[in-house]
């Protein structure tokens, strides 16, 4: 068999296809089966979880100070997400009023008031 650039390219393509088909896609991390969502703990719906709101969740109560990165005596959704049993936090994240769907509130397009 004569080796040509075309046969080399075909062999390389087949080898790559074999390698790629053998790889499995990375799995998305899943919340543990005993996960607790942020909104379930945020009783007063202020967007933060205080020590009073976690009184009956012993493992979170024990980890509270370590999770409270800014030491404000509250857990933000971001801080809460680092807890091992953290469930859904997406709906708990506040939306910034300064940005719209396009990433801008459009103020740069408004006429000047000067």
N, C-alpha and C. Protein backbone atom coordinates (compact mmCIF):
# COMPACT_ATOMS: atom_id res chain seq x y z
N UNK A 1 0.84 -1.17 0.00
CA UNK A 1 0.00 0.00 0.00
C UNK A 1 0.88 1.23 0.00
N UNK A 2 0.56 2.14 -0.85
CA UNK A 2 1.34 3.37 -0.97
C UNK A 2 0.77 4.40 0.00
N UNK A 3 1.67 5.04 0.76
CA UNK A 3 1.24 6.08 1.71
C UNK A 3 1.22 7.42 0.98
N UNK A 4 0.04 8.01 0.97
CA UNK A 4 -0.13 9.31 0.32
C UNK A 4 -0.62 10.31 1.35
N UNK A 5 -0.53 11.58 1.04
CA UNK A 5 -1.06 12.57 1.98
C UNK A 5 -2.54 12.33 2.28
N UNK A 6 -3.28 11.87 1.28
CA UNK A 6 -4.70 11.63 1.49
C UNK A 6 -4.93 10.46 2.45
N UNK A 7 -4.18 9.37 2.28
CA UNK A 7 -4.36 8.21 3.16
C UNK A 7 -3.91 8.55 4.58
N UNK A 8 -2.90 9.39 4.71
CA UNK A 8 -2.45 9.83 6.04
C UNK A 8 -3.54 10.65 6.71
N UNK A 9 -4.16 11.55 5.97
CA UNK A 9 -5.23 12.39 6.51
C UNK A 9 -6.43 11.55 6.93
N UNK A 10 -6.77 10.54 6.14
CA UNK A 10 -7.89 9.67 6.48
C UNK A 10 -7.58 8.88 7.75
N UNK A 11 -6.36 8.34 7.83
CA UNK A 11 -5.98 7.57 9.02
C UNK A 11 -6.00 8.45 10.26
N UNK A 12 -5.52 9.66 10.13
CA UNK A 12 -5.51 10.61 11.26
C UNK A 12 -6.94 10.96 11.67
N UNK A 13 -7.82 11.19 10.71
CA UNK A 13 -9.21 11.51 11.01
C UNK A 13 -9.90 10.35 11.73
N UNK A 14 -9.65 9.13 11.29
CA UNK A 14 -10.23 7.97 11.94
C UNK A 14 -9.70 7.81 13.36
N UNK A 15 -8.43 8.05 13.56
CA UNK A 15 -7.84 7.95 14.89
C UNK A 15 -8.44 8.99 15.82
N UNK A 16 -8.60 10.21 15.32
CA UNK A 16 -9.19 11.28 16.15
C UNK A 16 -10.64 10.96 16.48
N UNK A 17 -11.38 10.43 15.53
CA UNK A 17 -12.78 10.09 15.77
C UNK A 17 -12.89 9.01 16.84
N UNK A 18 -11.98 8.07 16.83
CA UNK A 18 -11.98 7.00 17.83
C UNK A 18 -11.71 7.57 19.21
N UNK A 19 -10.71 8.44 19.31
CA UNK A 19 -10.37 9.05 20.59
C UNK A 19 -11.52 9.90 21.10
N UNK A 20 -12.10 10.72 20.24
CA UNK A 20 -13.19 11.60 20.66
C UNK A 20 -14.43 10.83 21.08
N UNK A 21 -14.73 9.73 20.39
CA UNK A 21 -15.92 8.96 20.75
C UNK A 21 -15.73 8.21 22.07
N UNK A 22 -14.49 7.98 22.46
CA UNK A 22 -14.22 7.27 23.71
C UNK A 22 -14.32 8.20 24.92
N UNK A 23 -14.25 9.50 24.69
CA UNK A 23 -14.33 10.44 25.80
C UNK A 23 -15.78 10.65 26.21
N UNK A 24 -15.99 10.80 27.50
CA UNK A 24 -17.33 11.09 27.99
C UNK A 24 -17.40 12.57 28.35
N UNK A 25 -18.52 13.21 28.12
CA UNK A 25 -18.62 14.63 28.46
C UNK A 25 -18.54 14.83 29.96
N UNK A 26 -18.02 15.98 30.35
CA UNK A 26 -17.94 16.31 31.78
C UNK A 26 -19.34 16.44 32.34
N UNK A 27 -19.55 15.85 33.49
CA UNK A 27 -20.86 15.93 34.11
C UNK A 27 -21.00 17.23 34.88
N UNK A 28 -22.19 17.78 34.83
CA UNK A 28 -22.49 18.97 35.60
C UNK A 28 -22.64 18.58 37.06
N UNK A 29 -21.96 19.31 37.96
CA UNK A 29 -22.11 18.96 39.38
C UNK A 29 -23.57 19.06 39.79
N UNK A 30 -24.01 18.09 40.54
CA UNK A 30 -25.40 18.07 40.98
C UNK A 30 -25.45 18.33 42.48
N UNK A 31 -26.53 18.93 42.91
CA UNK A 31 -26.72 19.16 44.34
C UNK A 31 -26.95 17.82 45.01
N UNK A 32 -26.48 17.68 46.24
CA UNK A 32 -26.71 16.42 46.95
C UNK A 32 -28.20 16.17 47.14
N UNK A 33 -28.55 14.92 47.37
CA UNK A 33 -29.97 14.56 47.50
C UNK A 33 -30.62 15.22 48.71
N UNK A 34 -29.83 15.61 49.70
CA UNK A 34 -30.39 16.28 50.88
C UNK A 34 -30.13 17.79 50.85
N UNK A 35 -30.01 18.33 49.63
CA UNK A 35 -29.72 19.75 49.46
C UNK A 35 -30.88 20.62 49.94
N UNK A 36 -30.51 21.83 50.34
CA UNK A 36 -31.50 22.82 50.78
C UNK A 36 -31.31 24.06 49.93
N UNK A 37 -32.36 24.56 49.32
CA UNK A 37 -32.29 25.75 48.50
C UNK A 37 -32.19 27.00 49.37
N UNK A 38 -31.48 27.98 48.85
CA UNK A 38 -31.29 29.25 49.55
C UNK A 38 -32.62 29.89 49.92
N UNK A 39 -33.54 29.92 48.97
CA UNK A 39 -34.83 30.58 49.21
C UNK A 39 -35.65 29.90 50.30
N UNK A 40 -35.40 28.61 50.54
CA UNK A 40 -36.11 27.91 51.60
C UNK A 40 -35.67 28.39 52.98
N UNK A 41 -34.45 28.87 53.08
CA UNK A 41 -33.94 29.35 54.36
C UNK A 41 -34.15 30.85 54.57
N UNK A 42 -34.21 31.59 53.48
CA UNK A 42 -34.34 33.05 53.57
C UNK A 42 -35.78 33.42 53.91
N UNK A 43 -36.13 33.25 55.18
CA UNK A 43 -37.52 33.42 55.63
C UNK A 43 -38.05 34.83 55.39
N UNK A 44 -37.23 35.84 55.62
CA UNK A 44 -37.72 37.22 55.46
C UNK A 44 -37.51 37.77 54.05
N UNK A 45 -36.99 36.95 53.15
CA UNK A 45 -36.82 37.27 51.72
C UNK A 45 -36.02 38.55 51.49
N UNK A 46 -34.97 38.73 52.33
CA UNK A 46 -34.12 39.91 52.15
C UNK A 46 -32.89 39.63 51.29
N UNK A 47 -32.79 38.40 50.74
CA UNK A 47 -31.67 38.05 49.89
C UNK A 47 -30.44 37.60 50.67
N UNK A 48 -30.58 37.45 51.97
CA UNK A 48 -29.50 37.00 52.84
C UNK A 48 -30.04 35.96 53.81
N UNK A 49 -29.18 35.09 54.29
CA UNK A 49 -29.57 34.12 55.31
C UNK A 49 -28.80 34.45 56.57
N UNK A 50 -29.54 34.71 57.65
CA UNK A 50 -28.92 35.05 58.93
C UNK A 50 -28.80 33.80 59.80
N UNK A 51 -28.05 33.92 60.89
CA UNK A 51 -27.90 32.80 61.83
C UNK A 51 -29.26 32.40 62.39
N UNK A 52 -30.16 33.35 62.62
CA UNK A 52 -31.50 33.03 63.12
C UNK A 52 -32.27 32.16 62.13
N UNK A 53 -32.04 32.35 60.84
CA UNK A 53 -32.77 31.59 59.83
C UNK A 53 -32.24 30.17 59.65
N UNK A 54 -31.08 29.86 60.22
CA UNK A 54 -30.51 28.51 60.06
C UNK A 54 -30.48 27.73 61.38
N UNK A 55 -31.23 28.17 62.37
CA UNK A 55 -31.20 27.55 63.70
C UNK A 55 -31.49 26.05 63.68
N UNK A 56 -32.29 25.58 62.75
CA UNK A 56 -32.70 24.17 62.75
C UNK A 56 -31.93 23.34 61.73
N UNK A 57 -30.87 23.91 61.14
CA UNK A 57 -30.03 23.19 60.18
C UNK A 57 -28.65 23.10 60.82
N UNK A 58 -28.46 22.06 61.64
CA UNK A 58 -27.27 21.96 62.47
C UNK A 58 -25.96 22.07 61.71
N UNK A 59 -25.83 21.35 60.57
CA UNK A 59 -24.55 21.39 59.86
C UNK A 59 -24.27 22.76 59.24
N UNK A 60 -25.31 23.48 58.82
CA UNK A 60 -25.11 24.83 58.31
C UNK A 60 -24.79 25.78 59.45
N UNK A 61 -25.47 25.60 60.57
CA UNK A 61 -25.22 26.44 61.74
C UNK A 61 -23.76 26.30 62.18
N UNK A 62 -23.24 25.07 62.15
CA UNK A 62 -21.86 24.83 62.53
C UNK A 62 -20.84 25.38 61.55
N UNK A 63 -21.23 25.53 60.29
CA UNK A 63 -20.33 26.04 59.24
C UNK A 63 -20.54 27.52 58.97
N UNK A 64 -21.50 28.11 59.62
CA UNK A 64 -21.93 29.48 59.28
C UNK A 64 -20.76 30.47 59.28
N UNK A 65 -19.99 30.51 60.36
CA UNK A 65 -18.90 31.49 60.45
C UNK A 65 -17.85 31.28 59.38
N UNK A 66 -17.55 30.04 59.05
CA UNK A 66 -16.56 29.77 58.00
C UNK A 66 -17.08 30.17 56.62
N UNK A 67 -18.38 30.03 56.40
CA UNK A 67 -18.97 30.40 55.10
C UNK A 67 -19.14 31.90 54.95
N UNK A 68 -19.30 32.60 56.06
CA UNK A 68 -19.53 34.05 56.05
C UNK A 68 -18.21 34.78 55.75
N UNK A 69 -17.83 34.80 54.49
CA UNK A 69 -16.52 35.32 54.07
C UNK A 69 -16.29 36.78 54.44
N UNK A 70 -17.34 37.60 54.40
CA UNK A 70 -17.17 39.02 54.70
C UNK A 70 -17.54 39.36 56.14
N UNK A 71 -17.81 38.37 56.94
CA UNK A 71 -18.11 38.52 58.38
C UNK A 71 -19.19 39.55 58.68
N UNK A 72 -20.26 39.53 57.87
CA UNK A 72 -21.37 40.46 58.10
C UNK A 72 -22.53 39.80 58.84
N UNK A 73 -22.31 38.60 59.36
CA UNK A 73 -23.32 37.83 60.11
C UNK A 73 -24.50 37.40 59.23
N UNK A 74 -24.29 37.36 57.92
CA UNK A 74 -25.29 36.89 56.97
C UNK A 74 -24.58 36.09 55.88
N UNK A 75 -25.31 35.18 55.27
CA UNK A 75 -24.78 34.47 54.11
C UNK A 75 -25.47 34.99 52.86
N UNK A 76 -24.68 35.43 51.92
CA UNK A 76 -25.21 35.82 50.61
C UNK A 76 -25.42 34.54 49.81
N UNK A 77 -26.12 34.60 48.69
CA UNK A 77 -26.26 33.40 47.86
C UNK A 77 -24.91 32.82 47.44
N UNK A 78 -23.94 33.69 47.17
CA UNK A 78 -22.61 33.23 46.77
C UNK A 78 -21.92 32.50 47.91
N UNK A 79 -21.99 33.06 49.11
CA UNK A 79 -21.39 32.42 50.28
C UNK A 79 -22.10 31.09 50.57
N UNK A 80 -23.41 31.10 50.50
CA UNK A 80 -24.21 29.90 50.76
C UNK A 80 -23.85 28.77 49.79
N UNK A 81 -23.55 29.12 48.54
CA UNK A 81 -23.24 28.13 47.50
C UNK A 81 -22.01 27.29 47.85
N UNK A 82 -21.17 27.76 48.76
CA UNK A 82 -19.97 27.01 49.15
C UNK A 82 -20.27 25.94 50.21
N UNK A 83 -21.46 25.92 50.73
CA UNK A 83 -21.86 24.92 51.72
C UNK A 83 -22.07 23.59 51.00
N UNK A 84 -21.69 22.51 51.61
CA UNK A 84 -21.76 21.19 50.99
C UNK A 84 -23.16 20.72 50.62
N UNK A 85 -24.19 21.20 51.31
CA UNK A 85 -25.57 20.79 51.01
C UNK A 85 -26.35 21.89 50.30
N UNK A 86 -25.64 22.88 49.78
CA UNK A 86 -26.32 23.99 49.10
C UNK A 86 -27.06 23.50 47.88
N UNK A 87 -28.31 23.87 47.81
CA UNK A 87 -29.12 23.56 46.64
C UNK A 87 -29.14 24.76 45.72
N UNK A 88 -30.25 25.00 45.14
CA UNK A 88 -30.43 26.06 44.16
C UNK A 88 -30.24 27.44 44.78
N UNK A 89 -29.42 28.26 44.14
CA UNK A 89 -29.24 29.64 44.58
C UNK A 89 -29.55 30.63 43.46
N UNK A 90 -29.78 30.14 42.27
CA UNK A 90 -29.98 31.02 41.10
C UNK A 90 -31.09 32.03 41.33
N UNK A 91 -32.24 31.61 41.79
CA UNK A 91 -33.35 32.54 41.98
C UNK A 91 -33.12 33.50 43.13
N UNK A 92 -32.14 33.20 43.98
CA UNK A 92 -31.87 34.05 45.13
C UNK A 92 -30.93 35.20 44.79
N UNK A 93 -30.24 35.12 43.65
CA UNK A 93 -29.31 36.17 43.29
C UNK A 93 -30.07 37.41 42.84
N UNK A 94 -29.77 38.55 43.44
CA UNK A 94 -30.48 39.77 43.04
C UNK A 94 -30.06 40.20 41.64
N UNK A 95 -31.00 40.70 40.88
CA UNK A 95 -30.71 41.21 39.55
C UNK A 95 -30.25 42.65 39.69
N UNK A 96 -29.21 42.99 38.98
CA UNK A 96 -28.69 44.35 39.05
C UNK A 96 -29.57 45.27 38.21
N UNK A 97 -30.09 46.34 38.80
CA UNK A 97 -30.93 47.26 38.02
C UNK A 97 -30.13 48.06 37.02
N UNK A 98 -28.79 48.05 37.15
CA UNK A 98 -27.97 48.85 36.26
C UNK A 98 -27.67 48.16 34.94
N UNK A 99 -28.01 46.89 34.85
CA UNK A 99 -27.75 46.19 33.60
C UNK A 99 -29.00 45.53 33.09
N UNK A 100 -29.19 45.60 31.81
CA UNK A 100 -30.31 44.96 31.16
C UNK A 100 -29.84 43.71 30.46
N UNK A 101 -30.70 43.11 29.68
CA UNK A 101 -30.33 41.87 28.98
C UNK A 101 -29.11 42.04 28.09
N UNK A 102 -28.88 43.23 27.57
CA UNK A 102 -27.73 43.43 26.69
C UNK A 102 -26.47 43.78 27.45
N UNK A 103 -26.54 43.81 28.78
CA UNK A 103 -25.37 44.14 29.57
C UNK A 103 -25.20 45.63 29.80
N UNK A 104 -26.19 46.39 29.42
CA UNK A 104 -26.11 47.84 29.59
C UNK A 104 -27.49 48.37 29.89
N UNK A 105 -27.55 49.38 30.73
CA UNK A 105 -28.86 49.95 31.03
C UNK A 105 -29.28 50.96 29.97
N UNK A 106 -28.43 51.15 28.98
CA UNK A 106 -28.78 52.03 27.87
C UNK A 106 -28.49 53.49 28.12
N UNK A 107 -27.95 53.82 29.30
CA UNK A 107 -27.74 55.23 29.62
C UNK A 107 -26.77 55.90 28.66
N UNK A 108 -25.85 55.16 28.09
CA UNK A 108 -24.91 55.76 27.14
C UNK A 108 -25.61 56.16 25.85
N UNK A 109 -26.83 55.70 25.65
CA UNK A 109 -27.58 56.02 24.45
C UNK A 109 -28.60 57.14 24.69
N UNK A 110 -28.69 57.58 25.90
CA UNK A 110 -29.65 58.62 26.23
C UNK A 110 -29.09 59.98 25.86
N UNK A 111 -29.94 60.91 25.48
CA UNK A 111 -29.46 62.25 25.16
C UNK A 111 -28.90 62.92 26.42
N UNK A 112 -27.92 63.72 26.22
CA UNK A 112 -27.29 64.44 27.33
C UNK A 112 -28.26 65.46 27.89
N UNK A 113 -28.23 65.64 29.20
CA UNK A 113 -29.10 66.64 29.84
C UNK A 113 -28.33 67.91 30.13
N UNK A 114 -27.13 68.03 29.61
CA UNK A 114 -26.30 69.22 29.86
C UNK A 114 -26.77 70.40 29.08
